[in-house]
Amino acid sequence: MEIAGLFFILVGVLAVIGVQSRIDRADKRVARVERKLDLVIDHLGLREPVDPRMDEVVALLRGDKKIQAIKVYREITGAGLKEAKDAVERMA
């Protein structure tokens, strides 16, 4: 009974690892597509209107308040934590 239980636990762990690796690969592909799309948008001169509160994000960054800048960015854009952190770091 113990061996069967360990076997099922091992199979479960391997399944989770497999799913996680697929998610990681998908995230990387999406990031590459987003970067390419950003290049195309820049090349065509198409930009979204900038929210006036983005100036607040920049001001917070200049005041060494990165965490607060990320919070405000998330409020403005509705972005997830990692996406907001990456965007704010690109602004710095």
PDB file of N, CA and C in Angstrom:
ATOM      1  N   MET A   1       0.821  -1.185   0.000  1.00  0.00           N
ATOM      2  CA  MET A   1       0.000   0.000   0.000  1.00  0.00           C
ATOM      3  C   MET A   1       0.870   1.255   0.000  1.00  0.00           C
ATOM      4  N   GLU A   2       1.937   1.255   0.779  1.00  0.00           N
ATOM      5  CA  GLU A   2       2.803   2.429   0.839  1.00  0.00           C
ATOM      6  C   GLU A   2       3.482   2.678  -0.496  1.00  0.00           C
ATOM      7  N   ILE A   3       3.900   1.648  -1.183  1.00  0.00           N
ATOM      8  CA  ILE A   3       4.576   1.805  -2.480  1.00  0.00           C
ATOM      9  C   ILE A   3       3.606   2.385  -3.503  1.00  0.00           C
ATOM     10  N   ALA A   4       2.367   1.905  -3.490  1.00  0.00           N
ATOM     11  CA  ALA A   4       1.362   2.427  -4.421  1.00  0.00           C
ATOM     12  C   ALA A   4       1.104   3.907  -4.142  1.00  0.00           C
ATOM     13  N   GLY A   5       1.020   4.274  -2.884  1.00  0.00           N
ATOM     14  CA  GLY A   5       0.810   5.682  -2.520  1.00  0.00           C
ATOM     15  C   GLY A   5       1.955   6.552  -2.980  1.00  0.00           C
ATOM     16  N   LEU A   6       3.174   6.100  -2.772  1.00  0.00           N
ATOM     17  CA  LEU A   6       4.349   6.854  -3.226  1.00  0.00           C
ATOM     18  C   LEU A   6       4.367   6.972  -4.745  1.00  0.00           C
ATOM     19  N   PHE A   7       3.956   5.910  -5.408  1.00  0.00           N
ATOM     20  CA  PHE A   7       3.907   5.925  -6.868  1.00  0.00           C
ATOM     21  C   PHE A   7       2.940   7.001  -7.358  1.00  0.00           C
ATOM     22  N   PHE A   8       1.757   7.058  -6.763  1.00  0.00           N
ATOM     23  CA  PHE A   8       0.765   8.055  -7.176  1.00  0.00           C
ATOM     24  C   PHE A   8       1.225   9.471  -6.855  1.00  0.00           C
ATOM     25  N   ILE A   9       1.897   9.650  -5.750  1.00  0.00           N
ATOM     26  CA  ILE A   9       2.439  10.966  -5.407  1.00  0.00           C
ATOM     27  C   ILE A   9       3.495  11.369  -6.435  1.00  0.00           C
ATOM     28  N   LEU A  10       4.363  10.436  -6.790  1.00  0.00           N
ATOM     29  CA  LEU A  10       5.406  10.715  -7.778  1.00  0.00           C
ATOM     30  C   LEU A  10       4.789  11.072  -9.128  1.00  0.00           C
ATOM     31  N   VAL A  11       3.784  10.341  -9.551  1.00  0.00           N
ATOM     32  CA  VAL A  11       3.107  10.625 -10.818  1.00  0.00           C
ATOM     33  C   VAL A  11       2.466  12.010 -10.758  1.00  0.00           C
ATOM     34  N   GLY A  12       1.852  12.339  -9.636  1.00  0.00           N
ATOM     35  CA  GLY A  12       1.231  13.661  -9.476  1.00  0.00           C
ATOM     36  C   GLY A  12       2.249  14.782  -9.561  1.00  0.00           C
ATOM     37  N   VAL A  13       3.381  14.611  -8.899  1.00  0.00           N
ATOM     38  CA  VAL A  13       4.438  15.634  -8.928  1.00  0.00           C
ATOM     39  C   VAL A  13       4.974  15.805 -10.346  1.00  0.00           C
ATOM     40  N   LEU A  14       5.192  14.701 -11.039  1.00  0.00           N
ATOM     41  CA  LEU A  14       5.675  14.784 -12.421  1.00  0.00           C
ATOM     42  C   LEU A  14       4.658  15.475 -13.332  1.00  0.00           C
ATOM     43  N   ALA A  15       3.386  15.216 -13.111  1.00  0.00           N
ATOM     44  CA  ALA A  15       2.343  15.873 -13.909  1.00  0.00           C
ATOM     45  C   ALA A  15       2.348  17.376 -13.670  1.00  0.00           C
ATOM     46  N   VAL A  16       2.488  17.783 -12.420  1.00  0.00           N
ATOM     47  CA  VAL A  16       2.521  19.209 -12.092  1.00  0.00           C
ATOM     48  C   VAL A  16       3.744  19.870 -12.731  1.00  0.00           C
ATOM     49  N   ILE A  17       4.874  19.204 -12.674  1.00  0.00           N
ATOM     50  CA  ILE A  17       6.095  19.746 -13.288  1.00  0.00           C
ATOM     51  C   ILE A  17       5.908  19.894 -14.788  1.00  0.00           C
ATOM     52  N   GLY A  18       5.292  18.919 -15.436  1.00  0.00           N
ATOM     53  CA  GLY A  18       5.050  18.987 -16.869  1.00  0.00           C
ATOM     54  C   GLY A  18       4.135  20.141 -17.240  1.00  0.00           C
ATOM     55  N   VAL A  19       3.067  20.314 -16.486  1.00  0.00           N
ATOM     56  CA  VAL A  19       2.137  21.411 -16.745  1.00  0.00           C
ATOM     57  C   VAL A  19       2.831  22.753 -16.531  1.00  0.00           C
ATOM     58  N   GLN A  20       3.612  22.863 -15.470  1.00  0.00           N
ATOM     59  CA  GLN A  20       4.311  24.119 -15.185  1.00  0.00           C
ATOM     60  C   GLN A  20       5.287  24.476 -16.294  1.00  0.00           C
ATOM     61  N   SER A  21       5.993  23.479 -16.834  1.00  0.00           N
ATOM     62  CA  SER A  21       6.949  23.775 -17.906  1.00  0.00           C
ATOM     63  C   SER A  21       6.214  24.243 -19.165  1.00  0.00           C
ATOM     64  N   ARG A  22       5.045  23.676 -19.430  1.00  0.00           N
ATOM     65  CA  ARG A  22       4.255  24.130 -20.583  1.00  0.00           C
ATOM     66  C   ARG A  22       3.771  25.560 -20.386  1.00  0.00           C
ATOM     67  N   ILE A  23       3.360  25.884 -19.178  1.00  0.00           N
ATOM     68  CA  ILE A  23       2.920  27.246 -18.876  1.00  0.00           C
ATOM     69  C   ILE A  23       4.084  28.219 -19.045  1.00  0.00           C
ATOM     70  N   ASP A  24       5.269  27.852 -18.560  1.00  0.00           N
ATOM     71  CA  ASP A  24       6.446  28.706 -18.698  1.00  0.00           C
ATOM     72  C   ASP A  24       6.780  28.957 -20.162  1.00  0.00           C
ATOM     73  N   ARG A  25       6.721  27.904 -20.987  1.00  0.00           N
ATOM     74  CA  ARG A  25       7.000  28.070 -22.422  1.00  0.00           C
ATOM     75  C   ARG A  25       5.962  28.970 -23.079  1.00  0.00           C
ATOM     76  N   ALA A  26       4.708  28.802 -22.701  1.00  0.00           N
ATOM     77  CA  ALA A  26       3.650  29.645 -23.267  1.00  0.00           C
ATOM     78  C   ALA A  26       3.851  31.099 -22.861  1.00  0.00           C
ATOM     79  N   ASP A  27       4.232  31.337 -21.602  1.00  0.00           N
ATOM     80  CA  ASP A  27       4.498  32.703 -21.140  1.00  0.00           C
ATOM     81  C   ASP A  27       5.631  33.343 -21.933  1.00  0.00           C
ATOM     82  N   LYS A  28       6.674  32.579 -22.210  1.00  0.00           N
ATOM     83  CA  LYS A  28       7.803  33.111 -22.979  1.00  0.00           C
ATOM     84  C   LYS A  28       7.378  33.435 -24.407  1.00  0.00           C
ATOM     85  N   ARG A  29       6.553  32.572 -25.006  1.00  0.00           N
ATOM     86  CA  ARG A  29       6.081  32.837 -26.371  1.00  0.00           C
ATOM     87  C   ARG A  29       5.218  34.085 -26.406  1.00  0.00           C
ATOM     88  N   VAL A  30       4.343  34.248 -25.437  1.00  0.00           N
ATOM     89  CA  VAL A  30       3.485  35.424 -25.376  1.00  0.00           C
ATOM     90  C   VAL A  30       4.331  36.687 -25.212  1.00  0.00           C
ATOM     91  N   ALA A  31       5.354  36.635 -24.369  1.00  0.00           N
ATOM     92  CA  ALA A  31       6.229  37.791 -24.164  1.00  0.00           C
ATOM     93  C   ALA A  31       6.933  38.169 -25.465  1.00  0.00           C
ATOM     94  N   ARG A  32       7.395  37.155 -26.230  1.00  0.00           N
ATOM     95  CA  ARG A  32       8.048  37.446 -27.514  1.00  0.00           C
ATOM     96  C   ARG A  32       7.075  38.099 -28.482  1.00  0.00           C
ATOM     97  N   VAL A  33       5.859  37.607 -28.537  1.00  0.00           N
ATOM     98  CA  VAL A  33       4.852  38.177 -29.434  1.00  0.00           C
ATOM     99  C   VAL A  33       4.528  39.609 -29.016  1.00  0.00           C
ATOM    100  N   GLU A  34       4.417  39.846 -27.715  1.00  0.00           N
ATOM    101  CA  GLU A  34       4.139  41.199 -27.246  1.00  0.00           C
ATOM    102  C   GLU A  34       5.261  42.162 -27.613  1.00  0.00           C
ATOM    103  N   ARG A  35       6.516  41.717 -27.476  1.00  0.00           N
ATOM    104  CA  ARG A  35       7.646  42.581 -27.853  1.00  0.00           C
ATOM    105  C   ARG A  35       7.601  42.907 -29.344  1.00  0.00           C
ATOM    106  N   LYS A  36       7.306  41.902 -30.167  1.00  0.00           N
ATOM    107  CA  LYS A  36       7.224  42.132 -31.612  1.00  0.00           C
ATOM    108  C   LYS A  36       6.080  43.080 -31.940  1.00  0.00           C
ATOM    109  N   LEU A  37       4.947  42.890 -31.289  1.00  0.00           N
ATOM    110  CA  LEU A  37       3.809  43.771 -31.524  1.00  0.00           C
ATOM    111  C   LEU A  37       4.136  45.205 -31.111  1.00  0.00           C
ATOM    112  N   ASP A  38       4.839  45.364 -30.007  1.00  0.00           N
ATOM    113  CA  ASP A  38       5.254  46.699 -29.584  1.00  0.00           C
ATOM    114  C   ASP A  38       6.149  47.357 -30.632  1.00  0.00           C
ATOM    115  N   LEU A  39       7.052  46.590 -31.233  1.00  0.00           N
ATOM    116  CA  LEU A  39       7.907  47.130 -32.289  1.00  0.00           C
ATOM    117  C   LEU A  39       7.092  47.565 -33.492  1.00  0.00           C
ATOM    118  N   VAL A  40       6.117  46.771 -33.871  1.00  0.00           N
ATOM    119  CA  VAL A  40       5.265  47.114 -35.020  1.00  0.00           C
ATOM    120  C   VAL A  40       4.465  48.380 -34.716  1.00  0.00           C
ATOM    121  N   ILE A  41       3.899  48.451 -33.510  1.00  0.00           N
ATOM    122  CA  ILE A  41       3.122  49.626 -33.122  1.00  0.00           C
ATOM    123  C   ILE A  41       4.002  50.876 -33.133  1.00  0.00           C
ATOM    124  N   ASP A  42       5.219  50.764 -32.597  1.00  0.00           N
ATOM    125  CA  ASP A  42       6.147  51.898 -32.610  1.00  0.00           C
ATOM    126  C   ASP A  42       6.495  52.301 -34.027  1.00  0.00           C
ATOM    127  N   HIS A  43       6.744  51.321 -34.892  1.00  0.00           N
ATOM    128  CA  HIS A  43       7.110  51.601 -36.272  1.00  0.00           C
ATOM    129  C   HIS A  43       5.977  52.333 -37.008  1.00  0.00           C
ATOM    130  N   LEU A  44       4.754  51.950 -36.735  1.00  0.00           N
ATOM    131  CA  LEU A  44       3.606  52.575 -37.396  1.00  0.00           C
ATOM    132  C   LEU A  44       3.197  53.885 -36.734  1.00  0.00           C
ATOM    133  N   GLY A  45       3.794  54.175 -35.593  1.00  0.00           N
ATOM    134  CA  GLY A  45       3.466  55.417 -34.899  1.00  0.00           C
ATOM    135  C   GLY A  45       2.123  55.358 -34.190  1.00  0.00           C
ATOM    136  N   LEU A  46       1.669  54.175 -33.902  1.00  0.00           N
ATOM    137  CA  LEU A  46       0.389  54.007 -33.217  1.00  0.00           C
ATOM    138  C   LEU A  46       0.648  53.809 -31.734  1.00  0.00           C
ATOM    139  N   ARG A  47       0.132  54.666 -30.943  1.00  0.00           N
ATOM    140  CA  ARG A  47       0.292  54.550 -29.492  1.00  0.00           C
ATOM    141  C   ARG A  47      -1.051  54.823 -28.839  1.00  0.00           C
ATOM    142  N   GLU A  48      -1.276  54.146 -27.747  1.00  0.00           N
ATOM    143  CA  GLU A  48      -2.476  54.399 -26.970  1.00  0.00           C
ATOM    144  C   GLU A  48      -2.334  55.758 -26.289  1.00  0.00           C
ATOM    145  N   PRO A  49      -3.462  56.424 -26.070  1.00  0.00           N
ATOM    146  CA  PRO A  49      -3.363  57.681 -25.315  1.00  0.00           C
ATOM    147  C   PRO A  49      -2.797  57.388 -23.924  1.00  0.00           C
ATOM    148  N   VAL A  50      -1.891  58.218 -23.503  1.00  0.00           N
ATOM    149  CA  VAL A  50      -1.231  58.012 -22.216  1.00  0.00           C
ATOM    150  C   VAL A  50      -2.129  58.548 -21.107  1.00  0.00           C
ATOM    151  N   ASP A  51      -2.342  57.749 -20.102  1.00  0.00           N
ATOM    152  CA  ASP A  51      -3.138  58.150 -18.950  1.00  0.00           C
ATOM    153  C   ASP A  51      -2.367  59.231 -18.197  1.00  0.00           C
ATOM    154  N   PRO A  52      -3.031  60.312 -17.829  1.00  0.00           N
ATOM    155  CA  PRO A  52      -2.327  61.389 -17.106  1.00  0.00           C
ATOM    156  C   PRO A  52      -1.693  60.920 -15.793  1.00  0.00           C
ATOM    157  N   ARG A  53      -2.208  59.839 -15.234  1.00  0.00           N
ATOM    158  CA  ARG A  53      -1.645  59.357 -13.960  1.00  0.00           C
ATOM    159  C   ARG A  53      -0.302  58.676 -14.159  1.00  0.00           C
ATOM    160  N   MET A  54       0.088  58.389 -15.404  1.00  0.00           N
ATOM    161  CA  MET A  54       1.404  57.791 -15.639  1.00  0.00           C
ATOM    162  C   MET A  54       2.502  58.744 -15.173  1.00  0.00           C
ATOM    163  N   ASP A  55       2.220  60.049 -15.212  1.00  0.00           N
ATOM    164  CA  ASP A  55       3.185  61.019 -14.684  1.00  0.00           C
ATOM    165  C   ASP A  55       3.415  60.781 -13.189  1.00  0.00           C
ATOM    166  N   GLU A  56       2.351  60.354 -12.508  1.00  0.00           N
ATOM    167  CA  GLU A  56       2.470  60.033 -11.087  1.00  0.00           C
ATOM    168  C   GLU A  56       3.397  58.830 -10.886  1.00  0.00           C
ATOM    169  N   VAL A  57       3.285  57.838 -11.769  1.00  0.00           N
ATOM    170  CA  VAL A  57       4.155  56.665 -11.690  1.00  0.00           C
ATOM    171  C   VAL A  57       5.611  57.090 -11.876  1.00  0.00           C
ATOM    172  N   VAL A  58       5.859  57.935 -12.861  1.00  0.00           N
ATOM    173  CA  VAL A  58       7.222  58.415 -13.125  1.00  0.00           C
ATOM    174  C   VAL A  58       7.742  59.212 -11.927  1.00  0.00           C
ATOM    175  N   ALA A  59       6.893  60.050 -11.358  1.00  0.00           N
ATOM    176  CA  ALA A  59       7.308  60.842 -10.195  1.00  0.00           C
ATOM    177  C   ALA A  59       7.649  59.937  -9.008  1.00  0.00           C
ATOM    178  N   LEU A  60       6.862  58.896  -8.811  1.00  0.00           N
ATOM    179  CA  LEU A  60       7.157  57.964  -7.722  1.00  0.00           C
ATOM    180  C   LEU A  60       8.488  57.257  -7.965  1.00  0.00           C
ATOM    181  N   LEU A  61       8.744  56.894  -9.206  1.00  0.00           N
ATOM    182  CA  LEU A  61      10.022  56.253  -9.532  1.00  0.00           C
ATOM    183  C   LEU A  61      11.190  57.178  -9.250  1.00  0.00           C
ATOM    184  N   ARG A  62      11.037  58.426  -9.626  1.00  0.00           N
ATOM    185  CA  ARG A  62      12.111  59.394  -9.390  1.00  0.00           C
ATOM    186  C   ARG A  62      12.339  59.620  -7.904  1.00  0.00           C
ATOM    187  N   GLY A  63      11.288  59.433  -7.109  1.00  0.00           N
ATOM    188  CA  GLY A  63      11.396  59.583  -5.659  1.00  0.00           C
ATOM    189  C   GLY A  63      11.783  58.289  -4.964  1.00  0.00           C
ATOM    190  N   ASP A  64      12.291  57.318  -5.731  1.00  0.00           N
ATOM    191  CA  ASP A  64      12.712  56.019  -5.185  1.00  0.00           C
ATOM    192  C   ASP A  64      11.582  55.303  -4.440  1.00  0.00           C
ATOM    193  N   LYS A  65      10.371  55.395  -4.964  1.00  0.00           N
ATOM    194  CA  LYS A  65       9.214  54.719  -4.384  1.00  0.00           C
ATOM    195  C   LYS A  65       8.676  53.713  -5.406  1.00  0.00           C
ATOM    196  N   LYS A  66       9.509  52.731  -5.706  1.00  0.00           N
ATOM    197  CA  LYS A  66       9.208  51.765  -6.762  1.00  0.00           C
ATOM    198  C   LYS A  66       7.955  50.945  -6.452  1.00  0.00           C
ATOM    199  N   ILE A  67       7.800  50.511  -5.229  1.00  0.00           N
ATOM    200  CA  ILE A  67       6.644  49.686  -4.868  1.00  0.00           C
ATOM    201  C   ILE A  67       5.350  50.478  -5.043  1.00  0.00           C
ATOM    202  N   GLN A  68       5.353  51.728  -4.612  1.00  0.00           N
ATOM    203  CA  GLN A  68       4.165  52.562  -4.791  1.00  0.00           C
ATOM    204  C   GLN A  68       3.906  52.819  -6.269  1.00  0.00           C
ATOM    205  N   ALA A  69       4.974  52.983  -7.055  1.00  0.00           N
ATOM    206  CA  ALA A  69       4.830  53.187  -8.490  1.00  0.00           C
ATOM    207  C   ALA A  69       4.175  51.961  -9.139  1.00  0.00           C
ATOM    208  N   ILE A  70       4.577  50.783  -8.699  1.00  0.00           N
ATOM    209  CA  ILE A  70       3.988  49.546  -9.235  1.00  0.00           C
ATOM    210  C   ILE A  70       2.506  49.479  -8.872  1.00  0.00           C
ATOM    211  N   LYS A  71       2.152  49.835  -7.641  1.00  0.00           N
ATOM    212  CA  LYS A  71       0.747  49.820  -7.213  1.00  0.00           C
ATOM    213  C   LYS A  71      -0.088  50.766  -8.060  1.00  0.00           C
ATOM    214  N   VAL A  72       0.401  51.977  -8.283  1.00  0.00           N
ATOM    215  CA  VAL A  72      -0.344  52.954  -9.086  1.00  0.00           C
ATOM    216  C   VAL A  72      -0.455  52.464 -10.526  1.00  0.00           C
ATOM    217  N   TYR A  73       0.621  51.911 -11.063  1.00  0.00           N
ATOM    218  CA  TYR A  73       0.590  51.376 -12.431  1.00  0.00           C
ATOM    219  C   TYR A  73      -0.478  50.300 -12.549  1.00  0.00           C
ATOM    220  N   ARG A  74      -0.559  49.415 -11.555  1.00  0.00           N
ATOM    221  CA  ARG A  74      -1.567  48.354 -11.575  1.00  0.00           C
ATOM    222  C   ARG A  74      -2.972  48.932 -11.516  1.00  0.00           C
ATOM    223  N   GLU A  75      -3.179  49.992 -10.722  1.00  0.00           N
ATOM    224  CA  GLU A  75      -4.493  50.637 -10.650  1.00  0.00           C
ATOM    225  C   GLU A  75      -4.889  51.221 -12.002  1.00  0.00           C
ATOM    226  N   ILE A  76      -3.924  51.838 -12.674  1.00  0.00           N
ATOM    227  CA  ILE A  76      -4.200  52.490 -13.957  1.00  0.00           C
ATOM    228  C   ILE A  76      -4.497  51.471 -15.044  1.00  0.00           C
ATOM    229  N   THR A  77      -3.669  50.444 -15.125  1.00  0.00           N
ATOM    230  CA  THR A  77      -3.732  49.528 -16.263  1.00  0.00           C
ATOM    231  C   THR A  77      -4.483  48.231 -15.989  1.00  0.00           C
ATOM    232  N   GLY A  78      -4.638  47.873 -14.723  1.00  0.00           N
ATOM    233  CA  GLY A  78      -5.244  46.587 -14.403  1.00  0.00           C
ATOM    234  C   GLY A  78      -4.287  45.424 -14.634  1.00  0.00           C
ATOM    235  N   ALA A  79      -3.012  45.723 -14.778  1.00  0.00           N
ATOM    236  CA  ALA A  79      -1.991  44.699 -15.036  1.00  0.00           C
ATOM    237  C   ALA A  79      -1.756  43.848 -13.791  1.00  0.00           C
ATOM    238  N   GLY A  80      -1.234  42.655 -14.012  1.00  0.00           N
ATOM    239  CA  GLY A  80      -0.842  41.773 -12.913  1.00  0.00           C
ATOM    240  C   GLY A  80       0.442  42.285 -12.276  1.00  0.00           C
ATOM    241  N   LEU A  81       0.795  41.691 -11.155  1.00  0.00           N
ATOM    242  CA  LEU A  81       1.962  42.157 -10.408  1.00  0.00           C
ATOM    243  C   LEU A  81       3.246  42.064 -11.218  1.00  0.00           C
ATOM    244  N   LYS A  82       3.514  40.910 -11.832  1.00  0.00           N
ATOM    245  CA  LYS A  82       4.760  40.745 -12.587  1.00  0.00           C
ATOM    246  C   LYS A  82       4.801  41.683 -13.791  1.00  0.00           C
ATOM    247  N   GLU A  83       3.680  41.769 -14.505  1.00  0.00           N
ATOM    248  CA  GLU A  83       3.626  42.648 -15.680  1.00  0.00           C
ATOM    249  C   GLU A  83       3.858  44.099 -15.274  1.00  0.00           C
ATOM    250  N   ALA A  84       3.238  44.521 -14.181  1.00  0.00           N
ATOM    251  CA  ALA A  84       3.405  45.906 -13.706  1.00  0.00           C
ATOM    252  C   ALA A  84       4.837  46.154 -13.270  1.00  0.00           C
ATOM    253  N   LYS A  85       5.406  45.191 -12.552  1.00  0.00           N
ATOM    254  CA  LYS A  85       6.801  45.340 -12.101  1.00  0.00           C
ATOM    255  C   LYS A  85       7.742  45.481 -13.301  1.00  0.00           C
ATOM    256  N   ASP A  86       7.561  44.633 -14.297  1.00  0.00           N
ATOM    257  CA  ASP A  86       8.405  44.700 -15.488  1.00  0.00           C
ATOM    258  C   ASP A  86       8.238  46.039 -16.208  1.00  0.00           C
ATOM    259  N   ALA A  87       7.001  46.508 -16.323  1.00  0.00           N
ATOM    260  CA  ALA A  87       6.742  47.768 -17.013  1.00  0.00           C
ATOM    261  C   ALA A  87       7.370  48.935 -16.270  1.00  0.00           C
ATOM    262  N   VAL A  88       7.224  48.943 -14.956  1.00  0.00           N
ATOM    263  CA  VAL A  88       7.790  50.038 -14.151  1.00  0.00           C
ATOM    264  C   VAL A  88       9.310  50.005 -14.223  1.00  0.00           C
ATOM    265  N   GLU A  89       9.890  48.810 -14.203  1.00  0.00           N
ATOM    266  CA  GLU A  89      11.347  48.720 -14.313  1.00  0.00           C
ATOM    267  C   GLU A  89      11.831  49.222 -15.677  1.00  0.00           C
ATOM    268  N   ARG A  90      11.042  49.014 -16.724  1.00  0.00           N
ATOM    269  CA  ARG A  90      11.429  49.534 -18.041  1.00  0.00           C
ATOM    270  C   ARG A  90      11.362  51.066 -18.057  1.00  0.00           C
ATOM    271  N   MET A  91      10.487  51.630 -17.246  1.00  0.00           N
ATOM    272  CA  MET A  91      10.356  53.099 -17.181  1.00  0.00           C
ATOM    273  C   MET A  91      11.558  53.729 -16.480  1.00  0.00           C
ATOM    274  N   ALA A  92      12.133  52.977 -15.549  1.00  0.00           N
ATOM    275  CA  ALA A  92      13.216  53.537 -14.727  1.00  0.00           C
ATOM    276  C   ALA A  92      14.463  53.788 -15.551  1.00  0.00           C
TER     277      ALA A  92
END
